[in-house]
Amino acid sequence: MYYILHQTADIETVKKNVLPLLSKCETRTVEFPFPDDFNAEEGATVIAYLNDEDLRGFLPLAGERHWLSGEYYPTPGTPIPLKVWELPAN
């Protein structure tokens, strides 16, 4: 399962540019900020299609949930790609 986190305003861009890349995979789009009870199941991949501000909010939440974090690519609100490695559990 691939969860694609996005801002409400970016859903059409995600549908047009991201979902086609994952057409052979099970996907679910999730608006960010996501509900407190949202948690990806073990083995799922969370893709953060977020701007800088939301990415700063997402990373601590990903750490709290013990999600692995990989590379971040540019989005319209984040012009410079970031590379992030596994988040510590604490």
PDB file of N, CA and C in Angstrom:
ATOM      1  N   MET A   1       0.845  -1.181   0.000  1.00  0.00           N
ATOM      2  CA  MET A   1       0.000   0.000   0.000  1.00  0.00           C
ATOM      3  C   MET A   1       0.888   1.242   0.000  1.00  0.00           C
ATOM      4  N   TYR A   2       0.525   2.185  -0.839  1.00  0.00           N
ATOM      5  CA  TYR A   2       1.191   3.485  -0.882  1.00  0.00           C
ATOM      6  C   TYR A   2       0.192   4.551  -0.439  1.00  0.00           C
ATOM      7  N   TYR A   3       0.541   5.296   0.590  1.00  0.00           N
ATOM      8  CA  TYR A   3      -0.246   6.429   1.033  1.00  0.00           C
ATOM      9  C   TYR A   3       0.420   7.687   0.510  1.00  0.00           C
ATOM     10  N   ILE A   4      -0.334   8.534  -0.163  1.00  0.00           N
ATOM     11  CA  ILE A   4       0.215   9.781  -0.677  1.00  0.00           C
ATOM     12  C   ILE A   4      -0.390  10.920   0.123  1.00  0.00           C
ATOM     13  N   LEU A   5       0.447  11.546   0.962  1.00  0.00           N
ATOM     14  CA  LEU A   5       0.006  12.687   1.752  1.00  0.00           C
ATOM     15  C   LEU A   5       0.105  13.937   0.896  1.00  0.00           C
ATOM     16  N   HIS A   6      -0.909  14.784   0.969  1.00  0.00           N
ATOM     17  CA  HIS A   6      -0.928  15.988   0.143  1.00  0.00           C
ATOM     18  C   HIS A   6      -1.783  17.055   0.808  1.00  0.00           C
ATOM     19  N   GLN A   7      -1.587  18.293   0.402  1.00  0.00           N
ATOM     20  CA  GLN A   7      -2.466  19.374   0.803  1.00  0.00           C
ATOM     21  C   GLN A   7      -3.747  19.267  -0.010  1.00  0.00           C
ATOM     22  N   THR A   8      -4.836  19.791   0.532  1.00  0.00           N
ATOM     23  CA  THR A   8      -6.119  19.756  -0.169  1.00  0.00           C
ATOM     24  C   THR A   8      -5.994  20.341  -1.571  1.00  0.00           C
ATOM     25  N   ALA A   9      -5.289  21.449  -1.699  1.00  0.00           N
ATOM     26  CA  ALA A   9      -5.164  22.136  -2.989  1.00  0.00           C
ATOM     27  C   ALA A   9      -4.383  21.330  -4.028  1.00  0.00           C
ATOM     28  N   ASP A  10      -3.627  20.331  -3.597  1.00  0.00           N
ATOM     29  CA  ASP A  10      -2.768  19.574  -4.520  1.00  0.00           C
ATOM     30  C   ASP A  10      -3.374  18.276  -5.027  1.00  0.00           C
ATOM     31  N   ILE A  11      -4.613  17.973  -4.693  1.00  0.00           N
ATOM     32  CA  ILE A  11      -5.175  16.670  -5.056  1.00  0.00           C
ATOM     33  C   ILE A  11      -5.199  16.463  -6.573  1.00  0.00           C
ATOM     34  N   GLU A  12      -5.526  17.459  -7.345  1.00  0.00           N
ATOM     35  CA  GLU A  12      -5.575  17.275  -8.802  1.00  0.00           C
ATOM     36  C   GLU A  12      -4.179  17.028  -9.368  1.00  0.00           C
ATOM     37  N   THR A  13      -3.173  17.712  -8.830  1.00  0.00           N
ATOM     38  CA  THR A  13      -1.789  17.485  -9.268  1.00  0.00           C
ATOM     39  C   THR A  13      -1.342  16.077  -8.907  1.00  0.00           C
ATOM     40  N   VAL A  14      -1.713  15.615  -7.720  1.00  0.00           N
ATOM     41  CA  VAL A  14      -1.369  14.252  -7.301  1.00  0.00           C
ATOM     42  C   VAL A  14      -2.041  13.246  -8.229  1.00  0.00           C
ATOM     43  N   LYS A  15      -3.305  13.467  -8.531  1.00  0.00           N
ATOM     44  CA  LYS A  15      -4.023  12.551  -9.435  1.00  0.00           C
ATOM     45  C   LYS A  15      -3.387  12.524 -10.824  1.00  0.00           C
ATOM     46  N   LYS A  16      -2.956  13.673 -11.288  1.00  0.00           N
ATOM     47  CA  LYS A  16      -2.407  13.773 -12.645  1.00  0.00           C
ATOM     48  C   LYS A  16      -0.958  13.305 -12.731  1.00  0.00           C
ATOM     49  N   ASN A  17      -0.132  13.631 -11.728  1.00  0.00           N
ATOM     50  CA  ASN A  17       1.311  13.407 -11.839  1.00  0.00           C
ATOM     51  C   ASN A  17       1.880  12.281 -10.971  1.00  0.00           C
ATOM     52  N   VAL A  18       1.218  11.948  -9.889  1.00  0.00           N
ATOM     53  CA  VAL A  18       1.773  10.948  -8.969  1.00  0.00           C
ATOM     54  C   VAL A  18       1.074   9.598  -9.134  1.00  0.00           C
ATOM     55  N   LEU A  19      -0.236   9.590  -9.103  1.00  0.00           N
ATOM     56  CA  LEU A  19      -0.959   8.315  -9.180  1.00  0.00           C
ATOM     57  C   LEU A  19      -0.649   7.514 -10.441  1.00  0.00           C
ATOM     58  N   PRO A  20      -0.476   8.141 -11.606  1.00  0.00           N
ATOM     59  CA  PRO A  20      -0.120   7.347 -12.785  1.00  0.00           C
ATOM     60  C   PRO A  20       1.200   6.589 -12.627  1.00  0.00           C
ATOM     61  N   LEU A  21       2.113   7.128 -11.851  1.00  0.00           N
ATOM     62  CA  LEU A  21       3.390   6.449 -11.613  1.00  0.00           C
ATOM     63  C   LEU A  21       3.219   5.200 -10.757  1.00  0.00           C
ATOM     64  N   LEU A  22       2.112   5.141 -10.040  1.00  0.00           N
ATOM     65  CA  LEU A  22       1.842   4.023  -9.131  1.00  0.00           C
ATOM     66  C   LEU A  22       0.616   3.235  -9.590  1.00  0.00           C
ATOM     67  N   SER A  23       0.330   3.258 -10.879  1.00  0.00           N
ATOM     68  CA  SER A  23      -0.905   2.670 -11.394  1.00  0.00           C
ATOM     69  C   SER A  23      -1.035   1.167 -11.137  1.00  0.00           C
ATOM     70  N   LYS A  24       0.077   0.490 -10.946  1.00  0.00           N
ATOM     71  CA  LYS A  24       0.027  -0.957 -10.690  1.00  0.00           C
ATOM     72  C   LYS A  24       0.072  -1.281  -9.203  1.00  0.00           C
ATOM     73  N   CYS A  25      -0.022  -0.248  -8.378  1.00  0.00           N
ATOM     74  CA  CYS A  25       0.075  -0.415  -6.928  1.00  0.00           C
ATOM     75  C   CYS A  25      -1.234   0.002  -6.258  1.00  0.00           C
ATOM     76  N   GLU A  26      -1.460  -0.543  -5.082  1.00  0.00           N
ATOM     77  CA  GLU A  26      -2.592  -0.113  -4.277  1.00  0.00           C
ATOM     78  C   GLU A  26      -2.222   1.224  -3.633  1.00  0.00           C
ATOM     79  N   THR A  27      -3.064   2.238  -3.822  1.00  0.00           N
ATOM     80  CA  THR A  27      -2.778   3.570  -3.306  1.00  0.00           C
ATOM     81  C   THR A  27      -3.972   4.149  -2.566  1.00  0.00           C
ATOM     82  N   ARG A  28      -3.665   5.111  -1.720  1.00  0.00           N
ATOM     83  CA  ARG A  28      -4.703   5.880  -1.031  1.00  0.00           C
ATOM     84  C   ARG A  28      -4.170   7.291  -0.845  1.00  0.00           C
ATOM     85  N   THR A  29      -4.933   8.292  -1.254  1.00  0.00           N
ATOM     86  CA  THR A  29      -4.527   9.665  -1.005  1.00  0.00           C
ATOM     87  C   THR A  29      -5.057  10.089   0.364  1.00  0.00           C
ATOM     88  N   VAL A  30      -4.242  10.852   1.087  1.00  0.00           N
ATOM     89  CA  VAL A  30      -4.588  11.286   2.437  1.00  0.00           C
ATOM     90  C   VAL A  30      -4.248  12.762   2.562  1.00  0.00           C
ATOM     91  N   GLU A  31      -5.228  13.580   2.927  1.00  0.00           N
ATOM     92  CA  GLU A  31      -4.969  15.001   3.113  1.00  0.00           C
ATOM     93  C   GLU A  31      -4.129  15.227   4.364  1.00  0.00           C
ATOM     94  N   PHE A  32      -3.217  16.181   4.266  1.00  0.00           N
ATOM     95  CA  PHE A  32      -2.374  16.549   5.396  1.00  0.00           C
ATOM     96  C   PHE A  32      -2.758  17.952   5.832  1.00  0.00           C
ATOM     97  N   PRO A  33      -2.924  18.199   7.143  1.00  0.00           N
ATOM     98  CA  PRO A  33      -2.633  17.269   8.221  1.00  0.00           C
ATOM     99  C   PRO A  33      -3.681  16.159   8.289  1.00  0.00           C
ATOM    100  N   PHE A  34      -3.198  14.955   8.576  1.00  0.00           N
ATOM    101  CA  PHE A  34      -4.074  13.799   8.613  1.00  0.00           C
ATOM    102  C   PHE A  34      -4.700  13.658  10.005  1.00  0.00           C
ATOM    103  N   PRO A  35      -5.783  12.898  10.115  1.00  0.00           N
ATOM    104  CA  PRO A  35      -6.427  12.697  11.424  1.00  0.00           C
ATOM    105  C   PRO A  35      -5.469  12.038  12.413  1.00  0.00           C
ATOM    106  N   ASP A  36      -5.666  12.325  13.686  1.00  0.00           N
ATOM    107  CA  ASP A  36      -4.796  11.769  14.723  1.00  0.00           C
ATOM    108  C   ASP A  36      -4.756  10.245  14.711  1.00  0.00           C
ATOM    109  N   ASP A  37      -5.834   9.608  14.283  1.00  0.00           N
ATOM    110  CA  ASP A  37      -5.876   8.137  14.313  1.00  0.00           C
ATOM    111  C   ASP A  37      -5.307   7.493  13.049  1.00  0.00           C
ATOM    112  N   PHE A  38      -4.826   8.307  12.097  1.00  0.00           N
ATOM    113  CA  PHE A  38      -4.243   7.735  10.879  1.00  0.00           C
ATOM    114  C   PHE A  38      -2.879   7.123  11.189  1.00  0.00           C
ATOM    115  N   ASN A  39      -2.674   5.907  10.729  1.00  0.00           N
ATOM    116  CA  ASN A  39      -1.369   5.264  10.833  1.00  0.00           C
ATOM    117  C   ASN A  39      -1.270   4.250   9.702  1.00  0.00           C
ATOM    118  N   ALA A  40      -0.196   4.330   8.970  1.00  0.00           N
ATOM    119  CA  ALA A  40       0.022   3.379   7.882  1.00  0.00           C
ATOM    120  C   ALA A  40       0.368   2.019   8.470  1.00  0.00           C
ATOM    121  N   GLU A  41      -0.168   0.978   7.862  1.00  0.00           N
ATOM    122  CA  GLU A  41       0.127  -0.365   8.370  1.00  0.00           C
ATOM    123  C   GLU A  41       1.595  -0.714   8.102  1.00  0.00           C
ATOM    124  N   GLU A  42       2.079  -1.690   8.835  1.00  0.00           N
ATOM    125  CA  GLU A  42       3.466  -2.121   8.682  1.00  0.00           C
ATOM    126  C   GLU A  42       3.717  -2.538   7.231  1.00  0.00           C
ATOM    127  N   GLY A  43       4.816  -2.088   6.693  1.00  0.00           N
ATOM    128  CA  GLY A  43       5.190  -2.428   5.330  1.00  0.00           C
ATOM    129  C   GLY A  43       4.671  -1.454   4.286  1.00  0.00           C
ATOM    130  N   ALA A  44       3.803  -0.530   4.687  1.00  0.00           N
ATOM    131  CA  ALA A  44       3.282   0.454   3.736  1.00  0.00           C
ATOM    132  C   ALA A  44       4.337   1.530   3.478  1.00  0.00           C
ATOM    133  N   THR A  45       4.168   2.220   2.363  1.00  0.00           N
ATOM    134  CA  THR A  45       5.033   3.338   2.018  1.00  0.00           C
ATOM    135  C   THR A  45       4.208   4.611   2.080  1.00  0.00           C
ATOM    136  N   VAL A  46       4.742   5.615   2.766  1.00  0.00           N
ATOM    137  CA  VAL A  46       4.076   6.907   2.871  1.00  0.00           C
ATOM    138  C   VAL A  46       4.857   7.894   2.008  1.00  0.00           C
ATOM    139  N   ILE A  47       4.193   8.448   1.025  1.00  0.00           N
ATOM    140  CA  ILE A  47       4.797   9.439   0.144  1.00  0.00           C
ATOM    141  C   ILE A  47       4.270  10.803   0.565  1.00  0.00           C
ATOM    142  N   ALA A  48       5.186  11.695   0.892  1.00  0.00           N
ATOM    143  CA  ALA A  48       4.799  13.029   1.352  1.00  0.00           C
ATOM    144  C   ALA A  48       4.942  14.025   0.211  1.00  0.00           C
ATOM    145  N   TYR A  49       3.845  14.313  -0.456  1.00  0.00           N
ATOM    146  CA  TYR A  49       3.822  15.324  -1.512  1.00  0.00           C
ATOM    147  C   TYR A  49       3.412  16.631  -0.826  1.00  0.00           C
ATOM    148  N   LEU A  50       4.372  17.216  -0.100  1.00  0.00           N
ATOM    149  CA  LEU A  50       4.088  18.346   0.776  1.00  0.00           C
ATOM    150  C   LEU A  50       5.056  19.489   0.547  1.00  0.00           C
ATOM    151  N   ASN A  51       4.627  20.692   0.870  1.00  0.00           N
ATOM    152  CA  ASN A  51       5.518  21.842   0.792  1.00  0.00           C
ATOM    153  C   ASN A  51       6.428  21.874   2.027  1.00  0.00           C
ATOM    154  N   ASP A  52       7.339  22.829   2.061  1.00  0.00           N
ATOM    155  CA  ASP A  52       8.317  22.908   3.166  1.00  0.00           C
ATOM    156  C   ASP A  52       7.655  22.964   4.531  1.00  0.00           C
ATOM    157  N   GLU A  53       6.656  23.820   4.671  1.00  0.00           N
ATOM    158  CA  GLU A  53       6.003  23.990   5.972  1.00  0.00           C
ATOM    159  C   GLU A  53       5.353  22.689   6.439  1.00  0.00           C
ATOM    160  N   ASP A  54       4.599  22.050   5.557  1.00  0.00           N
ATOM    161  CA  ASP A  54       3.942  20.800   5.929  1.00  0.00           C
ATOM    162  C   ASP A  54       4.944  19.671   6.116  1.00  0.00           C
ATOM    163  N   LEU A  55       6.017  19.682   5.360  1.00  0.00           N
ATOM    164  CA  LEU A  55       7.049  18.658   5.521  1.00  0.00           C
ATOM    165  C   LEU A  55       7.682  18.764   6.908  1.00  0.00           C
ATOM    166  N   ARG A  56       7.902  19.992   7.365  1.00  0.00           N
ATOM    167  CA  ARG A  56       8.432  20.172   8.731  1.00  0.00           C
ATOM    168  C   ARG A  56       7.465  19.626   9.770  1.00  0.00           C
ATOM    169  N   GLY A  57       6.172  19.719   9.516  1.00  0.00           N
ATOM    170  CA  GLY A  57       5.186  19.151  10.427  1.00  0.00           C
ATOM    171  C   GLY A  57       5.082  17.646  10.312  1.00  0.00           C
ATOM    172  N   PHE A  58       5.296  17.131   9.111  1.00  0.00           N
ATOM    173  CA  PHE A  58       5.180  15.695   8.863  1.00  0.00           C
ATOM    174  C   PHE A  58       6.326  14.890   9.487  1.00  0.00           C
ATOM    175  N   LEU A  59       7.547  15.372   9.373  1.00  0.00           N
ATOM    176  CA  LEU A  59       8.710  14.581   9.801  1.00  0.00           C
ATOM    177  C   LEU A  59       8.658  14.178  11.277  1.00  0.00           C
ATOM    178  N   PRO A  60       8.320  15.074  12.209  1.00  0.00           N
ATOM    179  CA  PRO A  60       8.208  14.618  13.603  1.00  0.00           C
ATOM    180  C   PRO A  60       7.106  13.569  13.790  1.00  0.00           C
ATOM    181  N   LEU A  61       5.991  13.729  13.072  1.00  0.00           N
ATOM    182  CA  LEU A  61       4.911  12.745  13.167  1.00  0.00           C
ATOM    183  C   LEU A  61       5.354  11.393  12.627  1.00  0.00           C
ATOM    184  N   ALA A  62       6.116  11.412  11.538  1.00  0.00           N
ATOM    185  CA  ALA A  62       6.639  10.165  10.980  1.00  0.00           C
ATOM    186  C   ALA A  62       7.562   9.489  11.994  1.00  0.00           C
ATOM    187  N   GLY A  63       8.373  10.273  12.686  1.00  0.00           N
ATOM    188  CA  GLY A  63       9.250   9.719  13.717  1.00  0.00           C
ATOM    189  C   GLY A  63       8.470   9.105  14.863  1.00  0.00           C
ATOM    190  N   GLU A  64       7.416   9.782  15.306  1.00  0.00           N
ATOM    191  CA  GLU A  64       6.581   9.259  16.390  1.00  0.00           C
ATOM    192  C   GLU A  64       5.941   7.931  16.010  1.00  0.00           C
ATOM    193  N   ARG A  65       5.627   7.773  14.742  1.00  0.00           N
ATOM    194  CA  ARG A  65       4.967   6.548  14.274  1.00  0.00           C
ATOM    195  C   ARG A  65       5.969   5.490  13.796  1.00  0.00           C
ATOM    196  N   HIS A  66       7.258   5.802  13.910  1.00  0.00           N
ATOM    197  CA  HIS A  66       8.336   4.882  13.532  1.00  0.00           C
ATOM    198  C   HIS A  66       8.302   4.522  12.060  1.00  0.00           C
ATOM    199  N   TRP A  67       7.904   5.484  11.226  1.00  0.00           N
ATOM    200  CA  TRP A  67       7.940   5.284   9.789  1.00  0.00           C
ATOM    201  C   TRP A  67       9.347   5.559   9.299  1.00  0.00           C
ATOM    202  N   LEU A  68       9.780   4.813   8.313  1.00  0.00           N
ATOM    203  CA  LEU A  68      11.052   5.123   7.673  1.00  0.00           C
ATOM    204  C   LEU A  68      10.832   6.285   6.716  1.00  0.00           C
ATOM    205  N   SER A  69      11.828   7.080   6.591  1.00  0.00           N
ATOM    206  CA  SER A  69      11.714   8.243   5.720  1.00  0.00           C
ATOM    207  C   SER A  69      12.813   8.176   4.673  1.00  0.00           C
ATOM    208  N   GLY A  70      12.471   8.467   3.448  1.00  0.00           N
ATOM    209  CA  GLY A  70      13.440   8.354   2.361  1.00  0.00           C
ATOM    210  C   GLY A  70      13.730   9.692   1.722  1.00  0.00           C
ATOM    211  N   GLU A  71      13.855   9.679   0.428  1.00  0.00           N
ATOM    212  CA  GLU A  71      14.180  10.902  -0.293  1.00  0.00           C
ATOM    213  C   GLU A  71      12.922  11.716  -0.551  1.00  0.00           C
ATOM    214  N   TYR A  72      13.105  13.018  -0.538  1.00  0.00           N
ATOM    215  CA  TYR A  72      12.010  13.945  -0.823  1.00  0.00           C
ATOM    216  C   TYR A  72      12.333  14.689  -2.096  1.00  0.00           C
ATOM    217  N   TYR A  73      11.382  14.734  -2.971  1.00  0.00           N
ATOM    218  CA  TYR A  73      11.573  15.352  -4.272  1.00  0.00           C
ATOM    219  C   TYR A  73      10.820  16.672  -4.323  1.00  0.00           C
ATOM    220  N   PRO A  74      11.191  17.535  -5.243  1.00  0.00           N
ATOM    221  CA  PRO A  74      10.539  18.843  -5.302  1.00  0.00           C
ATOM    222  C   PRO A  74       9.044  18.756  -5.595  1.00  0.00           C
ATOM    223  N   THR A  75       8.296  19.620  -4.951  1.00  0.00           N
ATOM    224  CA  THR A  75       6.890  19.852  -5.242  1.00  0.00           C
ATOM    225  C   THR A  75       6.786  21.335  -5.566  1.00  0.00           C
ATOM    226  N   PRO A  76       5.641  21.812  -6.024  1.00  0.00           N
ATOM    227  CA  PRO A  76       5.548  23.237  -6.345  1.00  0.00           C
ATOM    228  C   PRO A  76       5.946  24.152  -5.173  1.00  0.00           C
ATOM    229  N   GLY A  77       5.659  23.753  -3.940  1.00  0.00           N
ATOM    230  CA  GLY A  77       6.009  24.575  -2.780  1.00  0.00           C
ATOM    231  C   GLY A  77       7.350  24.243  -2.180  1.00  0.00           C
ATOM    232  N   THR A  78       8.039  23.252  -2.697  1.00  0.00           N
ATOM    233  CA  THR A  78       9.343  22.830  -2.197  1.00  0.00           C
ATOM    234  C   THR A  78      10.259  22.659  -3.399  1.00  0.00           C
ATOM    235  N   PRO A  79      10.879  23.732  -3.856  1.00  0.00           N
ATOM    236  CA  PRO A  79      11.648  23.654  -5.093  1.00  0.00           C
ATOM    237  C   PRO A  79      12.976  22.923  -4.992  1.00  0.00           C
ATOM    238  N   ILE A  80      13.487  22.753  -3.787  1.00  0.00           N
ATOM    239  CA  ILE A  80      14.787  22.103  -3.622  1.00  0.00           C
ATOM    240  C   ILE A  80      14.568  20.732  -2.988  1.00  0.00           C
ATOM    241  N   PRO A  81      14.984  19.646  -3.653  1.00  0.00           N
ATOM    242  CA  PRO A  81      14.780  18.320  -3.064  1.00  0.00           C
ATOM    243  C   PRO A  81      15.647  18.133  -1.823  1.00  0.00           C
ATOM    244  N   LEU A  82      15.104  17.392  -0.876  1.00  0.00           N
ATOM    245  CA  LEU A  82      15.805  17.090   0.365  1.00  0.00           C
ATOM    246  C   LEU A  82      16.068  15.596   0.427  1.00  0.00           C
ATOM    247  N   LYS A  83      17.147  15.207   1.059  1.00  0.00           N
ATOM    248  CA  LYS A  83      17.395  13.789   1.278  1.00  0.00           C
ATOM    249  C   LYS A  83      17.409  13.569   2.778  1.00  0.00           C
ATOM    250  N   VAL A  84      16.572  12.655   3.228  1.00  0.00           N
ATOM    251  CA  VAL A  84      16.411  12.389   4.646  1.00  0.00           C
ATOM    252  C   VAL A  84      16.541  10.890   4.849  1.00  0.00           C
ATOM    253  N   TRP A  85      17.193  10.487   5.929  1.00  0.00           N
ATOM    254  CA  TRP A  85      17.353   9.066   6.206  1.00  0.00           C
ATOM    255  C   TRP A  85      16.433   8.626   7.308  1.00  0.00           C
ATOM    256  N   GLU A  86      16.523   7.402   7.694  1.00  0.00           N
ATOM    257  CA  GLU A  86      15.639   6.831   8.706  1.00  0.00           C
ATOM    258  C   GLU A  86      15.563   7.748   9.922  1.00  0.00           C
ATOM    259  N   LEU A  87      14.353   7.928  10.405  1.00  0.00           N
ATOM    260  CA  LEU A  87      14.129   8.767  11.581  1.00  0.00           C
ATOM    261  C   LEU A  87      14.335   7.941  12.834  1.00  0.00           C
ATOM    262  N   PRO A  88      15.009   8.492  13.840  1.00  0.00           N
ATOM    263  CA  PRO A  88      15.187   7.742  15.075  1.00  0.00           C
ATOM    264  C   PRO A  88      13.852   7.576  15.796  1.00  0.00           C
ATOM    265  N   ALA A  89      13.732   6.524  16.568  1.00  0.00           N
ATOM    266  CA  ALA A  89      12.501   6.253  17.300  1.00  0.00           C
ATOM    267  C   ALA A  89      12.286   7.271  18.408  1.00  0.00           C
ATOM    268  N   ASN A  90      13.349   7.877  18.911  1.00  0.00           N
ATOM    269  CA  ASN A  90      13.210   8.850  20.006  1.00  0.00           C
ATOM    270  C   ASN A  90      13.486  10.241  19.537  1.00  0.00           C
TER     271      ASN A  90
END
